[in-house]
C-alpha atoms as a PDB file:
ATOM      1  CA  MET A   1    -173.853  30.803-116.030  1.00  0.00           C
ATOM      2  CA  SER A   2    -171.236  30.729-119.270  1.00  0.00           C
ATOM      3  CA  ALA A   3    -169.988  34.589-119.994  1.00  0.00           C
ATOM      4  CA  GLY A   4    -172.116  34.130-122.980  1.00  0.00           C
ATOM      5  CA  ALA A   5    -175.090  33.511-121.745  1.00  0.00           C
ATOM      6  CA  GLY A   6    -173.825  36.599-119.054  1.00  0.00           C
ATOM      7  CA  THR A   7    -173.501  39.307-121.999  1.00  0.00           C
ATOM      8  CA  SER A   8    -176.757  37.927-124.242  1.00  0.00           C
ATOM      9  CA  ARG A   9    -178.454  38.343-120.641  1.00  0.00           C
ATOM     10  CA  TRP A  10    -177.267  41.804-120.475  1.00  0.00           C
ATOM     11  CA  LEU A  11    -177.801  42.927-123.536  1.00  0.00           C
ATOM     12  CA  HIS A  12    -181.703  41.442-123.472  1.00  0.00           C
ATOM     13  CA  ALA A  13    -182.050  43.709-120.272  1.00  0.00           C
ATOM     14  CA  ALA A  14    -180.806  46.643-121.395  1.00  0.00           C
ATOM     15  CA  GLY A  15    -182.233  46.553-124.812  1.00  0.00           C
ATOM     16  CA  ARG A  16    -185.807  45.913-122.886  1.00  0.00           C
ATOM     17  CA  PHE A  17    -184.393  48.969-120.148  1.00  0.00           C
ATOM     18  CA  LEU A  18    -183.750  51.069-123.377  1.00  0.00           C
ATOM     19  CA  LEU A  19    -186.639  50.288-125.078  1.00  0.00           C
ATOM     20  CA  ALA A  20    -188.946  51.087-121.929  1.00  0.00           C
ATOM     21  CA  ILE A  21    -187.902  54.390-122.062  1.00  0.00           C
ATOM     22  CA  VAL A  22    -188.332  54.840-125.936  1.00  0.00           C
ATOM     23  CA  LEU A  23    -191.862  54.129-125.502  1.00  0.00           C
ATOM     24  CA  THR A  24    -192.474  56.356-122.663  1.00  0.00           C
ATOM     25  CA  TYR A  25    -191.464  59.332-123.962  1.00  0.00           C
ATOM     26  CA  LEU A  26    -193.160  58.542-127.409  1.00  0.00           C
ATOM     27  CA  GLY A  27    -196.259  58.160-124.960  1.00  0.00           C
ATOM     28  CA  LEU A  28    -195.399  61.433-123.734  1.00  0.00           C
ATOM     29  CA  LEU A  29    -195.315  63.392-127.244  1.00  0.00           C
ATOM     30  CA  ALA A  30    -198.362  61.591-127.889  1.00  0.00           C
ATOM     31  CA  VAL A  31    -200.207  62.839-125.327  1.00  0.00           C
ATOM     32  CA  THR A  32    -198.787  66.436-125.256  1.00  0.00           C
ATOM     33  CA  PHE A  33    -199.408  67.282-129.018  1.00  0.00           C
ATOM     34  CA  PHE A  34    -203.069  65.732-128.964  1.00  0.00           C
ATOM     35  CA  ILE A  35    -203.214  68.201-125.407  1.00  0.00           C
ATOM     36  CA  GLY A  36    -202.234  71.057-127.932  1.00  0.00           C
ATOM     37  CA  ARG A  37    -204.777  70.088-130.186  1.00  0.00           C
ATOM     38  CA  VAL A  38    -208.264  69.492-128.632  1.00  0.00           C
ATOM     39  CA  MET A  39    -207.573  72.717-127.058  1.00  0.00           C
ATOM     40  CA  PRO A  40    -209.620  75.142-127.551  1.00  0.00           C
ATOM     41  CA  ILE A  41    -207.141  77.428-128.405  1.00  0.00           C
ATOM     42  CA  ASP A  42    -206.626  78.020-131.992  1.00  0.00           C
ATOM     43  CA  PRO A  43    -202.848  78.832-132.109  1.00  0.00           C
ATOM     44  CA  VAL A  44    -203.106  80.675-135.367  1.00  0.00           C
ATOM     45  CA  LEU A  45    -205.857  83.482-133.644  1.00  0.00           C
ATOM     46  CA  VAL A  46    -203.185  83.648-129.504  1.00  0.00           C
ATOM     47  CA  ILE A  47    -200.553  84.989-132.552  1.00  0.00           C
ATOM     48  CA  LEU A  48    -202.375  87.235-135.525  1.00  0.00           C
ATOM     49  CA  GLY A  49    -205.414  88.289-132.983  1.00  0.00           C
ATOM     50  CA  ASP A  50    -209.167  87.347-133.049  1.00  0.00           C
ATOM     51  CA  HIS A  51    -209.674  90.820-136.390  1.00  0.00           C
ATOM     52  CA  ALA A  52    -206.757  88.822-138.558  1.00  0.00           C
ATOM     53  CA  SER A  53    -208.110  88.582-142.120  1.00  0.00           C
ATOM     54  CA  GLY A  54    -208.672  85.655-143.758  1.00  0.00           C
ATOM     55  CA  ASP A  55    -205.569  85.614-145.874  1.00  0.00           C
ATOM     56  CA  ALA A  56    -203.201  86.217-143.026  1.00  0.00           C
ATOM     57  CA  VAL A  57    -204.722  83.351-140.575  1.00  0.00           C
ATOM     58  CA  ALA A  58    -204.683  81.296-143.946  1.00  0.00           C
ATOM     59  CA  ARG A  59    -201.021  81.660-144.696  1.00  0.00           C
ATOM     60  CA  VAL A  60    -200.074  81.480-141.044  1.00  0.00           C
ATOM     61  CA  ARG A  61    -201.981  78.124-140.231  1.00  0.00           C
ATOM     62  CA  GLU A  62    -199.529  76.885-143.816  1.00  0.00           C
ATOM     63  CA  GLU A  63    -195.826  78.130-141.988  1.00  0.00           C
ATOM     64  CA  LEU A  64    -197.249  75.978-139.199  1.00  0.00           C
ATOM     65  CA  GLY A  65    -198.650  72.624-140.908  1.00  0.00           C
ATOM     66  CA  LEU A  66    -201.837  73.097-139.189  1.00  0.00           C
ATOM     67  CA  ASN A  67    -203.460  72.404-143.000  1.00  0.00           C
ATOM     68  CA  LYS A  68    -201.655  69.150-142.743  1.00  0.00           C
ATOM     69  CA  PRO A  69    -202.567  65.651-141.696  1.00  0.00           C
ATOM     70  CA  LEU A  70    -202.901  64.732-137.404  1.00  0.00           C
ATOM     71  CA  TRP A  71    -200.068  62.090-138.823  1.00  0.00           C
ATOM     72  CA  GLU A  72    -197.944  64.181-140.563  1.00  0.00           C
ATOM     73  CA  GLN A  73    -198.411  66.906-138.513  1.00  0.00           C
ATOM     74  CA  PHE A  74    -197.160  64.695-135.399  1.00  0.00           C
ATOM     75  CA  LEU A  75    -193.967  63.649-136.904  1.00  0.00           C
ATOM     76  CA  ILE A  76    -193.516  67.272-137.611  1.00  0.00           C
ATOM     77  CA  TYR A  77    -193.631  67.981-133.821  1.00  0.00           C
ATOM     78  CA  MET A  78    -191.745  64.876-132.813  1.00  0.00           C
ATOM     79  CA  ASN A  79    -188.666  65.454-135.135  1.00  0.00           C
ATOM     80  CA  LYS A  80    -188.827  69.206-133.924  1.00  0.00           C
ATOM     81  CA  VAL A  81    -189.058  68.442-130.224  1.00  0.00           C
ATOM     82  CA  LEU A  82    -186.669  65.805-130.601  1.00  0.00           C
ATOM     83  CA  HIS A  83    -184.425  68.696-132.049  1.00  0.00           C
ATOM     84  CA  GLY A  84    -184.652  70.191-128.867  1.00  0.00           C
ATOM     85  CA  ASP A  85    -187.696  73.552-130.746  1.00  0.00           C
ATOM     86  CA  PHE A  86    -190.685  73.658-128.761  1.00  0.00           C
ATOM     87  CA  GLY A  87    -191.523  76.461-131.054  1.00  0.00           C
ATOM     88  CA  VAL A  88    -191.596  79.946-129.615  1.00  0.00           C
ATOM     89  CA  SER A  89    -193.221  81.807-126.901  1.00  0.00           C
ATOM     90  CA  VAL A  90    -196.730  84.164-127.604  1.00  0.00           C
ATOM     91  CA  LEU A  91    -195.483  85.833-124.404  1.00  0.00           C
ATOM     92  CA  THR A  92    -191.878  86.733-124.015  1.00  0.00           C
ATOM     93  CA  SER A  93    -190.737  86.739-128.339  1.00  0.00           C
ATOM     94  CA  ASN A  94    -188.065  84.081-127.758  1.00  0.00           C
ATOM     95  CA  PRO A  95    -187.553  80.365-128.503  1.00  0.00           C
ATOM     96  CA  VAL A  96    -188.927  77.824-125.368  1.00  0.00           C
ATOM     97  CA  MET A  97    -186.267  75.896-124.545  1.00  0.00           C
ATOM     98  CA  GLN A  98    -183.906  79.698-124.448  1.00  0.00           C
ATOM     99  CA  ASP A  99    -187.397  80.375-121.779  1.00  0.00           C
ATOM    100  CA  ILE A 100    -187.091  77.037-119.743  1.00  0.00           C
ATOM    101  CA  ARG A 101    -183.714  76.727-119.215  1.00  0.00           C
ATOM    102  CA  HIS A 102    -183.361  79.823-118.429  1.00  0.00           C
ATOM    103  CA  VAL A 103    -186.352  79.355-115.288  1.00  0.00           C
ATOM    104  CA  PHE A 104    -185.923  76.072-114.674  1.00  0.00           C
ATOM    105  CA  PRO A 105    -182.263  76.743-112.471  1.00  0.00           C
ATOM    106  CA  ALA A 106    -184.175  78.179-110.492  1.00  0.00           C
ATOM    107  CA  THR A 107    -186.824  75.017-109.700  1.00  0.00           C
ATOM    108  CA  LEU A 108    -184.061  72.916-109.631  1.00  0.00           C
ATOM    109  CA  GLU A 109    -182.350  74.777-106.662  1.00  0.00           C
ATOM    110  CA  LEU A 110    -185.348  75.754-105.095  1.00  0.00           C
ATOM    111  CA  ALA A 111    -186.361  71.876-105.116  1.00  0.00           C
ATOM    112  CA  THR A 112    -182.577  70.591-103.928  1.00  0.00           C
ATOM    113  CA  LEU A 113    -182.893  72.056-101.176  1.00  0.00           C
ATOM    114  CA  GLY A 114    -186.791  71.286 -99.538  1.00  0.00           C
ATOM    115  CA  ILE A 115    -185.756  67.826-100.805  1.00  0.00           C
ATOM    116  CA  LEU A 116    -183.097  67.816 -98.488  1.00  0.00           C
ATOM    117  CA  LEU A 117    -184.964  69.640 -95.633  1.00  0.00           C
ATOM    118  CA  GLY A 118    -187.519  67.009 -96.282  1.00  0.00           C
ATOM    119  CA  ALA A 119    -185.212  63.691 -96.563  1.00  0.00           C
ATOM    120  CA  GLY A 120    -182.416  64.963 -94.089  1.00  0.00           C
ATOM    121  CA  ILE A 121    -184.880  65.534 -91.355  1.00  0.00           C
ATOM    122  CA  GLY A 122    -187.935  63.835 -92.179  1.00  0.00           C
ATOM    123  CA  VAL A 123    -185.938  60.002 -92.745  1.00  0.00           C
ATOM    124  CA  PRO A 124    -184.613  59.815 -89.361  1.00  0.00           C
ATOM    125  CA  LEU A 125    -188.200  61.212 -87.564  1.00  0.00           C
ATOM    126  CA  GLY A 126    -189.616  58.164 -89.405  1.00  0.00           C
ATOM    127  CA  VAL A 127    -186.800  55.625 -87.626  1.00  0.00           C
ATOM    128  CA  TRP A 128    -187.010  56.864 -84.020  1.00  0.00           C
ATOM    129  CA  ALA A 129    -191.502  57.098 -84.749  1.00  0.00           C
ATOM    130  CA  ALA A 130    -191.185  53.582 -85.059  1.00  0.00           C
ATOM    131  CA  VAL A 131    -188.582  52.356 -82.070  1.00  0.00           C
ATOM    132  CA  ARG A 132    -190.667  54.567 -80.361  1.00  0.00           C
ATOM    133  CA  ARG A 133    -194.033  52.984 -81.712  1.00  0.00           C
ATOM    134  CA  GLY A 134    -197.234  54.683 -79.487  1.00  0.00           C
ATOM    135  CA  GLY A 135    -194.844  56.839 -78.039  1.00  0.00           C
ATOM    136  CA  LEU A 136    -195.465  60.637 -77.609  1.00  0.00           C
ATOM    137  CA  VAL A 137    -192.913  60.810 -81.239  1.00  0.00           C
ATOM    138  CA  ASP A 138    -194.715  58.415 -82.754  1.00  0.00           C
ATOM    139  CA  GLN A 139    -197.677  60.644 -82.450  1.00  0.00           C
ATOM    140  CA  LEU A 140    -196.385  64.214 -82.979  1.00  0.00           C
ATOM    141  CA  VAL A 141    -194.894  62.194 -86.499  1.00  0.00           C
ATOM    142  CA  ARG A 142    -198.427  61.083 -87.306  1.00  0.00           C
ATOM    143  CA  VAL A 143    -199.915  64.434 -87.113  1.00  0.00           C
ATOM    144  CA  MET A 144    -197.360  66.266 -88.255  1.00  0.00           C
ATOM    145  CA  ALA A 145    -197.611  64.373 -91.653  1.00  0.00           C
ATOM    146  CA  LEU A 146    -201.340  64.484 -91.073  1.00  0.00           C
ATOM    147  CA  VAL A 147    -201.725  68.535 -91.254  1.00  0.00           C
ATOM    148  CA  GLY A 148    -198.724  67.876 -94.490  1.00  0.00           C
ATOM    149  CA  TYR A 149    -201.138  66.562 -96.406  1.00  0.00           C
ATOM    150  CA  SER A 150    -204.289  68.415 -95.099  1.00  0.00           C
ATOM    151  CA  VAL A 151    -203.417  72.388 -94.917  1.00  0.00           C
ATOM    152  CA  PRO A 152    -202.929  74.050 -98.420  1.00  0.00           C
ATOM    153  CA  ILE A 153    -199.537  74.766 -99.251  1.00  0.00           C
ATOM    154  CA  PHE A 154    -200.838  78.417-100.600  1.00  0.00           C
ATOM    155  CA  TRP A 155    -202.429  79.323 -97.233  1.00  0.00           C
ATOM    156  CA  LEU A 156    -199.080  78.758 -95.614  1.00  0.00           C
ATOM    157  CA  GLY A 157    -197.039  80.358 -97.693  1.00  0.00           C
ATOM    158  CA  LEU A 158    -199.335  83.176 -96.822  1.00  0.00           C
ATOM    159  CA  MET A 159    -199.242  83.485 -93.717  1.00  0.00           C
ATOM    160  CA  GLY A 160    -195.885  82.274 -93.795  1.00  0.00           C
ATOM    161  CA  LEU A 161    -194.428  85.871 -95.535  1.00  0.00           C
ATOM    162  CA  LEU A 162    -197.505  87.546 -93.354  1.00  0.00           C
ATOM    163  CA  LEU A 163    -195.514  85.922 -89.986  1.00  0.00           C
ATOM    164  CA  PHE A 164    -191.306  85.535 -91.074  1.00  0.00           C
ATOM    165  CA  TYR A 165    -190.690  88.833 -93.783  1.00  0.00           C
ATOM    166  CA  ALA A 166    -194.173  90.772 -93.264  1.00  0.00           C
ATOM    167  CA  LYS A 167    -193.875  91.467 -89.818  1.00  0.00           C
ATOM    168  CA  LEU A 168    -190.584  89.695 -87.898  1.00  0.00           C
ATOM    169  CA  GLY A 169    -188.363  90.824 -90.740  1.00  0.00           C
ATOM    170  CA  TRP A 170    -186.623  87.089 -90.349  1.00  0.00           C
ATOM    171  CA  VAL A 171    -186.320  86.332 -94.431  1.00  0.00           C
ATOM    172  CA  GLY A 172    -186.843  87.627 -97.380  1.00  0.00           C
ATOM    173  CA  GLY A 173    -189.658  88.353 -99.327  1.00  0.00           C
ATOM    174  CA  PRO A 174    -190.941  87.779-101.764  1.00  0.00           C
ATOM    175  CA  GLY A 175    -188.628  86.687-105.488  1.00  0.00           C
ATOM    176  CA  ARG A 176    -185.092  85.291-105.781  1.00  0.00           C
ATOM    177  CA  VAL A 177    -182.930  88.484-104.750  1.00  0.00           C
ATOM    178  CA  ASP A 178    -183.547  91.549-103.964  1.00  0.00           C
ATOM    179  CA  VAL A 179    -183.176  94.270-106.779  1.00  0.00           C
ATOM    180  CA  ALA A 180    -179.893  95.885-104.584  1.00  0.00           C
ATOM    181  CA  PHE A 181    -177.811  92.334-106.288  1.00  0.00           C
ATOM    182  CA  GLU A 182    -179.947  91.965-108.697  1.00  0.00           C
ATOM    183  CA  TYR A 183    -177.342  93.484-111.000  1.00  0.00           C
ATOM    184  CA  THR A 184    -173.915  92.813-109.060  1.00  0.00           C
ATOM    185  CA  LEU A 185    -174.612  89.130-108.823  1.00  0.00           C
ATOM    186  CA  GLU A 186    -173.669  87.250-111.750  1.00  0.00           C
ATOM    187  CA  ASN A 187    -175.887  85.376-112.701  1.00  0.00           C
ATOM    188  CA  VAL A 188    -173.474  82.104-114.271  1.00  0.00           C
ATOM    189  CA  SER A 189    -175.124  78.605-113.311  1.00  0.00           C
ATOM    190  CA  GLY A 190    -178.483  79.475-112.876  1.00  0.00           C
ATOM    191  CA  LEU A 191    -178.446  78.365-109.187  1.00  0.00           C
ATOM    192  CA  LEU A 192    -177.565  82.067-107.174  1.00  0.00           C
ATOM    193  CA  LEU A 193    -176.343  80.036-104.088  1.00  0.00           C
ATOM    194  CA  LEU A 194    -173.911  78.666-105.504  1.00  0.00           C
ATOM    195  CA  ASP A 195    -173.373  82.032-108.254  1.00  0.00           C
ATOM    196  CA  ALA A 196    -172.991  83.624-105.005  1.00  0.00           C
ATOM    197  CA  ALA A 197    -170.578  81.531-102.887  1.00  0.00           C
ATOM    198  CA  MET A 198    -168.151  80.776-105.986  1.00  0.00           C
ATOM    199  CA  ALA A 199    -167.730  84.676-107.013  1.00  0.00           C
ATOM    200  CA  GLY A 200    -167.785  84.907-102.807  1.00  0.00           C
ATOM    201  CA  GLN A 201    -170.057  87.458-102.400  1.00  0.00           C
ATOM    202  CA  TRP A 202    -171.007  86.128 -99.191  1.00  0.00           C
ATOM    203  CA  ASP A 203    -173.172  89.396 -98.620  1.00  0.00           C
ATOM    204  CA  ALA A 204    -175.152  88.078-101.642  1.00  0.00           C
ATOM    205  CA  PHE A 205    -175.043  84.491-100.318  1.00  0.00           C
ATOM    206  CA  ALA A 206    -177.163  85.845 -97.492  1.00  0.00           C
ATOM    207  CA  ASN A 207    -179.279  87.713 -99.584  1.00  0.00           C
ATOM    208  CA  VAL A 208    -180.387  84.878-101.951  1.00  0.00           C
ATOM    209  CA  LEU A 209    -180.848  82.720 -98.569  1.00  0.00           C
ATOM    210  CA  SER A 210    -183.183  84.568 -97.002  1.00  0.00           C
ATOM    211  CA  HIS A 211    -185.571  84.941 -99.909  1.00  0.00           C
ATOM    212  CA  LEU A 212    -184.677  80.629-100.744  1.00  0.00           C
ATOM    213  CA  VAL A 213    -184.600  79.379 -96.595  1.00  0.00           C
ATOM    214  CA  LEU A 214    -188.846  79.877 -96.451  1.00  0.00           C
ATOM    215  CA  PRO A 215    -190.115  78.123 -99.825  1.00  0.00           C
ATOM    216  CA  ALA A 216    -188.207  75.659 -99.092  1.00  0.00           C
ATOM    217  CA  SER A 217    -188.823  74.843 -95.534  1.00  0.00           C
ATOM    218  CA  LEU A 218    -192.358  74.576 -96.713  1.00  0.00           C
ATOM    219  CA  LEU A 219    -191.537  72.241 -99.718  1.00  0.00           C
ATOM    220  CA  GLY A 220    -189.446  70.788 -97.189  1.00  0.00           C
ATOM    221  CA  TYR A 221    -192.678  69.931 -95.055  1.00  0.00           C
ATOM    222  CA  PHE A 222    -194.877  68.804 -97.259  1.00  0.00           C
ATOM    223  CA  SER A 223    -191.853  66.318 -98.204  1.00  0.00           C
ATOM    224  CA  LEU A 224    -191.228  65.556 -95.164  1.00  0.00           C
ATOM    225  CA  ALA A 225    -194.732  64.360 -94.250  1.00  0.00           C
ATOM    226  CA  TYR A 226    -194.526  61.751 -97.040  1.00  0.00           C
ATOM    227  CA  ILE A 227    -191.148  61.056 -96.065  1.00  0.00           C
ATOM    228  CA  SER A 228    -191.933  60.406 -92.575  1.00  0.00           C
ATOM    229  CA  ARG A 229    -194.599  58.456 -92.633  1.00  0.00           C
ATOM    230  CA  MET A 230    -193.320  56.288 -95.351  1.00  0.00           C
ATOM    231  CA  THR A 231    -190.193  55.799 -93.265  1.00  0.00           C
ATOM    232  CA  ARG A 232    -192.510  55.627 -90.434  1.00  0.00           C
ATOM    233  CA  SER A 233    -194.329  52.052 -92.068  1.00  0.00           C
ATOM    234  CA  PHE A 234    -191.240  50.890 -93.835  1.00  0.00           C
ATOM    235  CA  MET A 235    -189.644  50.912 -90.458  1.00  0.00           C
ATOM    236  CA  LEU A 236    -192.613  49.138 -89.346  1.00  0.00           C
ATOM    237  CA  HIS A 237    -192.331  45.667 -91.299  1.00  0.00           C
ATOM    238  CA  GLU A 238    -188.852  45.367 -90.908  1.00  0.00           C
ATOM    239  CA  LEU A 239    -188.806  45.897 -87.128  1.00  0.00           C
ATOM    240  CA  SER A 240    -191.356  42.666 -87.713  1.00  0.00           C
ATOM    241  CA  GLN A 241    -188.530  40.489 -89.507  1.00  0.00           C
ATOM    242  CA  GLU A 242    -187.075  37.478 -88.223  1.00  0.00           C
ATOM    243  CA  TYR A 243    -183.469  38.526 -88.632  1.00  0.00           C
ATOM    244  CA  ILE A 244    -183.977  41.601 -86.447  1.00  0.00           C
ATOM    245  CA  VAL A 245    -185.638  38.623 -83.268  1.00  0.00           C
ATOM    246  CA  ALA A 246    -181.709  36.525 -83.834  1.00  0.00           C
ATOM    247  CA  ALA A 247    -179.923  40.441 -84.168  1.00  0.00           C
ATOM    248  CA  ARG A 248    -181.204  40.727 -80.812  1.00  0.00           C
ATOM    249  CA  ALA A 249    -180.631  36.881 -79.888  1.00  0.00           C
ATOM    250  CA  LYS A 250    -177.237  37.453 -81.257  1.00  0.00           C
ATOM    251  CA  GLY A 251    -176.896  40.549 -78.814  1.00  0.00           C
ATOM    252  CA  LEU A 252    -176.102  43.357 -81.336  1.00  0.00           C
ATOM    253  CA  SER A 253    -176.933  46.672 -79.833  1.00  0.00           C
ATOM    254  CA  GLU A 254    -180.683  48.139 -80.382  1.00  0.00           C
ATOM    255  CA  ALA A 255    -178.293  51.458 -82.075  1.00  0.00           C
ATOM    256  CA  ARG A 256    -177.064  48.563 -84.356  1.00  0.00           C
ATOM    257  CA  ILE A 257    -180.181  46.451 -85.066  1.00  0.00           C
ATOM    258  CA  ILE A 258    -182.038  49.925 -86.133  1.00  0.00           C
ATOM    259  CA  TRP A 259    -179.344  51.469 -87.975  1.00  0.00           C
ATOM    260  CA  ARG A 260    -177.192  48.397 -89.559  1.00  0.00           C
ATOM    261  CA  HIS A 261    -180.096  46.480 -90.360  1.00  0.00           C
ATOM    262  CA  ALA A 262    -183.246  47.628 -90.213  1.00  0.00           C
ATOM    263  CA  LEU A 263    -182.984  50.736 -91.943  1.00  0.00           C
ATOM    264  CA  ARG A 264    -180.117  49.446 -94.856  1.00  0.00           C
ATOM    265  CA  ASN A 265    -183.116  47.248 -95.886  1.00  0.00           C
ATOM    266  CA  ALA A 266    -185.481  50.096 -95.590  1.00  0.00           C
ATOM    267  CA  ALA A 267    -183.522  51.980 -97.517  1.00  0.00           C
ATOM    268  CA  VAL A 268    -184.262  50.662-100.571  1.00  0.00           C
ATOM    269  CA  PRO A 269    -188.088  51.103-100.652  1.00  0.00           C
ATOM    270  CA  LEU A 270    -187.766  54.347 -99.370  1.00  0.00           C
ATOM    271  CA  VAL A 271    -185.383  55.484-102.581  1.00  0.00           C
ATOM    272  CA  THR A 272    -188.583  54.915-104.924  1.00  0.00           C
ATOM    273  CA  VAL A 273    -190.445  57.642-102.205  1.00  0.00           C
ATOM    274  CA  ILE A 274    -187.546  60.028-101.808  1.00  0.00           C
ATOM    275  CA  THR A 275    -186.803  60.019-105.634  1.00  0.00           C
ATOM    276  CA  LEU A 276    -190.541  60.541-106.792  1.00  0.00           C
ATOM    277  CA  SER A 277    -191.195  63.162-104.337  1.00  0.00           C
ATOM    278  CA  TYR A 278    -187.829  65.649-105.463  1.00  0.00           C
ATOM    279  CA  ALA A 279    -189.475  64.565-109.307  1.00  0.00           C
ATOM    280  CA  GLY A 280    -192.537  66.425-107.742  1.00  0.00           C
ATOM    281  CA  LEU A 281    -190.552  68.405-106.669  1.00  0.00           C
ATOM    282  CA  LEU A 282    -189.020  69.692-109.396  1.00  0.00           C
ATOM    283  CA  GLU A 283    -192.287  69.443-111.894  1.00  0.00           C
ATOM    284  CA  GLY A 284    -192.800  73.129-110.692  1.00  0.00           C
ATOM    285  CA  SER A 285    -194.839  73.416-107.463  1.00  0.00           C
ATOM    286  CA  VAL A 286    -196.880  76.133-108.526  1.00  0.00           C
ATOM    287  CA  LEU A 287    -198.762  77.245-106.042  1.00  0.00           C
ATOM    288  CA  THR A 288    -195.584  77.586-103.546  1.00  0.00           C
ATOM    289  CA  GLU A 289    -194.088  79.506-106.800  1.00  0.00           C
ATOM    290  CA  THR A 290    -196.966  81.819-107.199  1.00  0.00           C
ATOM    291  CA  VAL A 291    -197.445  82.791-103.739  1.00  0.00           C
ATOM    292  CA  PHE A 292    -193.333  83.598-103.658  1.00  0.00           C
ATOM    293  CA  ALA A 293    -193.314  85.284-107.173  1.00  0.00           C
ATOM    294  CA  TRP A 294    -190.761  82.477-107.595  1.00  0.00           C
ATOM    295  CA  PRO A 295    -189.178  82.530-111.472  1.00  0.00           C
ATOM    296  CA  GLY A 296    -188.991  78.731-112.404  1.00  0.00           C
ATOM    297  CA  LEU A 297    -190.993  76.319-114.168  1.00  0.00           C
ATOM    298  CA  GLY A 298    -194.014  76.383-112.521  1.00  0.00           C
ATOM    299  CA  LEU A 299    -194.708  80.314-112.156  1.00  0.00           C
ATOM    300  CA  TYR A 300    -194.143  79.819-115.803  1.00  0.00           C
ATOM    301  CA  ILE A 301    -195.973  77.475-117.375  1.00  0.00           C
ATOM    302  CA  THR A 302    -199.322  79.159-115.387  1.00  0.00           C
ATOM    303  CA  ASN A 303    -198.205  82.260-116.859  1.00  0.00           C
ATOM    304  CA  SER A 304    -198.319  80.891-120.224  1.00  0.00           C
ATOM    305  CA  LEU A 305    -201.186  78.688-119.375  1.00  0.00           C
ATOM    306  CA  GLN A 306    -203.615  82.310-118.777  1.00  0.00           C
ATOM    307  CA  ASN A 307    -201.997  84.159-121.868  1.00  0.00           C
ATOM    308  CA  ALA A 308    -202.678  80.643-124.093  1.00  0.00           C
ATOM    309  CA  ASP A 309    -199.283  80.062-124.750  1.00  0.00           C
ATOM    310  CA  MET A 310    -199.651  76.742-126.005  1.00  0.00           C
ATOM    311  CA  ASN A 311    -196.037  76.035-126.926  1.00  0.00           C
ATOM    312  CA  ALA A 312    -195.253  77.253-123.620  1.00  0.00           C
ATOM    313  CA  VAL A 313    -197.078  75.381-122.557  1.00  0.00           C
ATOM    314  CA  LEU A 314    -196.856  72.433-124.116  1.00  0.00           C
ATOM    315  CA  GLY A 315    -192.307  72.812-124.110  1.00  0.00           C
ATOM    316  CA  GLY A 316    -192.627  73.175-119.868  1.00  0.00           C
ATOM    317  CA  THR A 317    -195.148  69.688-119.200  1.00  0.00           C
ATOM    318  CA  LEU A 318    -192.733  67.998-122.164  1.00  0.00           C
ATOM    319  CA  VAL A 319    -189.530  68.714-119.533  1.00  0.00           C
ATOM    320  CA  VAL A 320    -191.723  67.675-116.742  1.00  0.00           C
ATOM    321  CA  GLY A 321    -192.358  64.821-117.716  1.00  0.00           C
ATOM    322  CA  SER A 322    -188.842  63.717-119.193  1.00  0.00           C
ATOM    323  CA  VAL A 323    -188.078  64.654-115.682  1.00  0.00           C
ATOM    324  CA  PHE A 324    -190.342  62.789-113.992  1.00  0.00           C
ATOM    325  CA  ILE A 325    -189.103  59.855-116.187  1.00  0.00           C
ATOM    326  CA  ALA A 326    -185.274  60.548-115.718  1.00  0.00           C
ATOM    327  CA  LEU A 327    -185.715  60.017-112.394  1.00  0.00           C
ATOM    328  CA  ASN A 328    -187.893  56.641-112.437  1.00  0.00           C
ATOM    329  CA  LEU A 329    -185.547  55.704-114.118  1.00  0.00           C
ATOM    330  CA  LEU A 330    -182.601  56.822-111.632  1.00  0.00           C
ATOM    331  CA  SER A 331    -185.046  55.118-108.781  1.00  0.00           C
ATOM    332  CA  ASP A 332    -184.774  51.524-111.096  1.00  0.00           C
ATOM    333  CA  LEU A 333    -181.397  51.974-111.196  1.00  0.00           C
ATOM    334  CA  LEU A 334    -180.308  52.393-107.754  1.00  0.00           C
ATOM    335  CA  TYR A 335    -183.190  49.888-106.459  1.00  0.00           C
ATOM    336  CA  LYS A 336    -180.881  47.671-108.269  1.00  0.00           C
ATOM    337  CA  THR A 337    -178.220  48.276-106.763  1.00  0.00           C
ATOM    338  CA  LEU A 338    -178.706  48.660-103.310  1.00  0.00           C
ATOM    339  CA  ASP A 339    -180.831  45.202-103.613  1.00  0.00           C
ATOM    340  CA  PRO A 340    -178.909  42.862-105.700  1.00  0.00           C
ATOM    341  CA  ARG A 341    -181.947  40.253-105.377  1.00  0.00           C
ATOM    342  CA  THR A 342    -183.714  42.525-108.607  1.00  0.00           C
ATOM    343  CA  ARG A 343    -180.601  42.296-111.017  1.00  0.00           C
ATOM    344  CA  SER A 344    -181.569  38.708-111.611  1.00  0.00           C
ATOM    345  CA  ARG A 345    -185.307  39.180-112.501  1.00  0.00           C
END
């Protein structure tokens, strides 16, 4: 293939990739916009109250552009969103983007530790279950996955708080940090574990970790249930392939066959599973954040919805959608990196 043909093919693929991003994001904008318009909540009355005069309602409606045609409202909305303007929160009186920048690091910290636990334990368990198919470990992994799918997360959260916090005192309670450290620990990045470590405040670090470990373990368990099940399925497929039979015939050790060959091929689809699990945690684990009073994105969207703060709800929804889009794209890139066969498609 000539250099010119290769460049043209690469540009064509890049163009399709960018077009997919643009169309997906436009779809996301359209969905959030029309959700805001069909909701039985009048944003003007939310701002002014139910007893506002007709003149005041008409004036605010004009200021918000709600008297314009729907297509023009959508263009205005799209222009504002692309400039990072999600409006002002009725609940906090702050710009929605400012609120989201404040709460998202809490969700990021919780979800990151959760996925590290889920993938770090779930992948080896799934491999072990596949290798010992039908054995005790396999049965335990399958039961663990079944419980993870079946038991409500809020119930496990409440039971965890009752046992490990109220009865045993092994972990911190609701919230991200005790009041004693709330004003002494400088919030630089929003990731309190990182901020405490960088400042050398190891007592604050231990306190933050004690609050984080239970909700993160809970999220880690639910992602572990899914990841271990999918790892087991992928590994069973790979272990049944002919190249595994050939590797054993050549006298390769079982450990090398499992970890260097089978798992390497299973890692291609597994990357997508782990990435989308992480996206699911980053969207704001609403029930977990509510039970543990965790001041993250999920709790912010929930409180906003309960108070009819539609600017905040739609802004949070856009952030959640953007996270899913970004991590899906990352998953595709990693897929192509790990599997060279997909690069030519």
